[in-house]
Amino acid sequence: MTNARYNELYVIKDDAAKLAAAKATEAEIAFMKKVADTKSEGTVEITNTFKSLAKEYVGATSYNNIKKALKTDKALETKYNAMLAEMSKGEVN
């Protein structure tokens, strides 16, 4: 399946009538489902790994306290988001 075809079908993946109108084949629909399943499994694995590393690095108690504080403390949330932005740019050593 080409990228263009995947993108065309992706936006209508949950609409059987639109998939039929786009003449999506069973193989294309199966491929779309396989991609979605793989993405979901990967996301769960990444999330679990991230949580595990965070808890091991800062400790479970600190991790949970920080997670709770991020929901209520806007200053902490701002600082946290700034640190994430720096890390995504590769600026944090």
C-alpha atoms as a PDB file:
ATOM      1  CA  MET A   1       0.000   0.000   0.000  1.00  0.00           C
ATOM      2  CA  THR A   2       1.364   3.402  -0.879  1.00  0.00           C
ATOM      3  CA  ASN A   3       1.582   6.230   1.657  1.00  0.00           C
ATOM      4  CA  ALA A   4      -1.016   8.182  -0.293  1.00  0.00           C
ATOM      5  CA  ARG A   5      -3.465   5.259  -0.238  1.00  0.00           C
ATOM      6  CA  TYR A   6      -2.840   4.647   3.460  1.00  0.00           C
ATOM      7  CA  ASN A   7      -3.487   8.313   4.247  1.00  0.00           C
ATOM      8  CA  GLU A   8      -6.639   8.260   2.098  1.00  0.00           C
ATOM      9  CA  LEU A   9      -8.024   5.249   3.954  1.00  0.00           C
ATOM     10  CA  TYR A  10      -6.801   6.250   7.399  1.00  0.00           C
ATOM     11  CA  VAL A  11      -9.176   9.209   7.649  1.00  0.00           C
ATOM     12  CA  ILE A  12     -12.159   6.974   6.826  1.00  0.00           C
ATOM     13  CA  LYS A  13     -11.021   3.782   8.555  1.00  0.00           C
ATOM     14  CA  ASP A  14     -14.025   3.701  10.905  1.00  0.00           C
ATOM     15  CA  ASP A  15     -16.671   4.329   8.219  1.00  0.00           C
ATOM     16  CA  ALA A  16     -17.594   1.163   6.304  1.00  0.00           C
ATOM     17  CA  ALA A  17     -19.639   3.079   3.719  1.00  0.00           C
ATOM     18  CA  LYS A  18     -16.761   5.427   2.924  1.00  0.00           C
ATOM     19  CA  LEU A  19     -14.314   2.515   2.775  1.00  0.00           C
ATOM     20  CA  ALA A  20     -16.622   0.793   0.291  1.00  0.00           C
ATOM     21  CA  ALA A  21     -16.902   3.989  -1.744  1.00  0.00           C
ATOM     22  CA  ALA A  22     -13.103   4.237  -1.778  1.00  0.00           C
ATOM     23  CA  LYS A  23     -13.011   0.608  -2.977  1.00  0.00           C
ATOM     24  CA  ALA A  24     -10.845  -0.463  -0.043  1.00  0.00           C
ATOM     25  CA  THR A  25      -9.894  -4.106  -0.413  1.00  0.00           C
ATOM     26  CA  GLU A  26     -10.016  -6.652   2.396  1.00  0.00           C
ATOM     27  CA  ALA A  27      -6.215  -6.731   2.314  1.00  0.00           C
ATOM     28  CA  GLU A  28      -6.027  -2.948   2.721  1.00  0.00           C
ATOM     29  CA  ILE A  29      -8.504  -3.000   5.600  1.00  0.00           C
ATOM     30  CA  ALA A  30      -6.587  -5.855   7.263  1.00  0.00           C
ATOM     31  CA  PHE A  31      -3.336  -3.924   6.817  1.00  0.00           C
ATOM     32  CA  MET A  32      -4.875  -0.802   8.384  1.00  0.00           C
ATOM     33  CA  LYS A  33      -6.012  -2.883  11.370  1.00  0.00           C
ATOM     34  CA  LYS A  34      -2.562  -4.468  11.720  1.00  0.00           C
ATOM     35  CA  VAL A  35      -0.916  -1.023  11.706  1.00  0.00           C
ATOM     36  CA  ALA A  36      -3.385   0.232  14.340  1.00  0.00           C
ATOM     37  CA  ASP A  37      -2.809  -2.840  16.532  1.00  0.00           C
ATOM     38  CA  THR A  38       0.975  -2.528  16.237  1.00  0.00           C
ATOM     39  CA  LYS A  39       0.811   1.172  17.089  1.00  0.00           C
ATOM     40  CA  SER A  40      -1.372   0.482  20.118  1.00  0.00           C
ATOM     41  CA  GLU A  41       0.933  -2.269  21.386  1.00  0.00           C
ATOM     42  CA  GLY A  42       3.966  -0.045  20.912  1.00  0.00           C
ATOM     43  CA  THR A  43       2.328   2.838  22.720  1.00  0.00           C
ATOM     44  CA  VAL A  44       1.504   0.647  25.718  1.00  0.00           C
ATOM     45  CA  GLU A  45       5.051  -0.706  25.796  1.00  0.00           C
ATOM     46  CA  ILE A  46       6.596   2.772  25.591  1.00  0.00           C
ATOM     47  CA  THR A  47       4.278   4.092  28.301  1.00  0.00           C
ATOM     48  CA  ASN A  48       5.062   1.212  30.635  1.00  0.00           C
ATOM     49  CA  THR A  49       8.797   1.549  30.018  1.00  0.00           C
ATOM     50  CA  PHE A  50       8.668   5.304  30.621  1.00  0.00           C
ATOM     51  CA  LYS A  51       6.794   4.860  33.897  1.00  0.00           C
ATOM     52  CA  SER A  52       9.171   2.150  35.032  1.00  0.00           C
ATOM     53  CA  LEU A  53      12.258   4.217  34.238  1.00  0.00           C
ATOM     54  CA  ALA A  54      10.788   7.303  35.868  1.00  0.00           C
ATOM     55  CA  LYS A  55       9.934   5.414  39.042  1.00  0.00           C
ATOM     56  CA  GLU A  56      13.376   3.789  39.177  1.00  0.00           C
ATOM     57  CA  TYR A  57      15.169   7.078  38.481  1.00  0.00           C
ATOM     58  CA  VAL A  58      13.300   9.349  40.907  1.00  0.00           C
ATOM     59  CA  GLY A  59      11.652   6.713  43.098  1.00  0.00           C
ATOM     60  CA  ALA A  60       8.019   5.685  43.154  1.00  0.00           C
ATOM     61  CA  THR A  61       7.005   8.156  45.872  1.00  0.00           C
ATOM     62  CA  SER A  62       8.650  11.140  44.167  1.00  0.00           C
ATOM     63  CA  TYR A  63       7.277  10.075  40.774  1.00  0.00           C
ATOM     64  CA  ASN A  64       3.726   9.890  42.122  1.00  0.00           C
ATOM     65  CA  ASN A  65       4.082  13.205  43.981  1.00  0.00           C
ATOM     66  CA  ILE A  66       5.381  14.936  40.853  1.00  0.00           C
ATOM     67  CA  LYS A  67       2.637  13.413  38.711  1.00  0.00           C
ATOM     68  CA  LYS A  68      -0.028  14.677  41.135  1.00  0.00           C
ATOM     69  CA  ALA A  69       1.591  18.107  41.472  1.00  0.00           C
ATOM     70  CA  LEU A  70       1.709  18.571  37.701  1.00  0.00           C
ATOM     71  CA  LYS A  71      -2.094  18.454  37.674  1.00  0.00           C
ATOM     72  CA  THR A  72      -2.488  21.295  40.167  1.00  0.00           C
ATOM     73  CA  ASP A  73       0.703  23.382  40.214  1.00  0.00           C
ATOM     74  CA  LYS A  74       0.840  25.583  37.100  1.00  0.00           C
ATOM     75  CA  ALA A  75       4.355  26.840  37.847  1.00  0.00           C
ATOM     76  CA  LEU A  76       5.645  23.278  38.096  1.00  0.00           C
ATOM     77  CA  GLU A  77       3.789  22.333  34.928  1.00  0.00           C
ATOM     78  CA  THR A  78       5.375  25.288  33.087  1.00  0.00           C
ATOM     79  CA  LYS A  79       8.860  24.313  34.289  1.00  0.00           C
ATOM     80  CA  TYR A  80       8.243  20.670  33.383  1.00  0.00           C
ATOM     81  CA  ASN A  81       7.045  21.563  29.882  1.00  0.00           C
ATOM     82  CA  ALA A  82      10.066  23.827  29.360  1.00  0.00           C
ATOM     83  CA  MET A  83      12.386  20.989  30.367  1.00  0.00           C
ATOM     84  CA  LEU A  84      10.608  18.612  27.985  1.00  0.00           C
ATOM     85  CA  ALA A  85      10.941  21.135  25.163  1.00  0.00           C
ATOM     86  CA  GLU A  86      14.672  21.510  25.838  1.00  0.00           C
ATOM     87  CA  MET A  87      15.139  17.748  25.948  1.00  0.00           C
ATOM     88  CA  SER A  88      13.311  17.279  22.669  1.00  0.00           C
ATOM     89  CA  LYS A  89      15.740  19.738  21.070  1.00  0.00           C
ATOM     90  CA  GLY A  90      18.690  17.851  22.539  1.00  0.00           C
ATOM     91  CA  GLU A  91      19.777  20.869  24.607  1.00  0.00           C
ATOM     92  CA  VAL A  92      19.772  19.141  28.002  1.00  0.00           C
ATOM     93  CA  ASN A  93      22.926  17.256  28.899  1.00  0.00           C
END
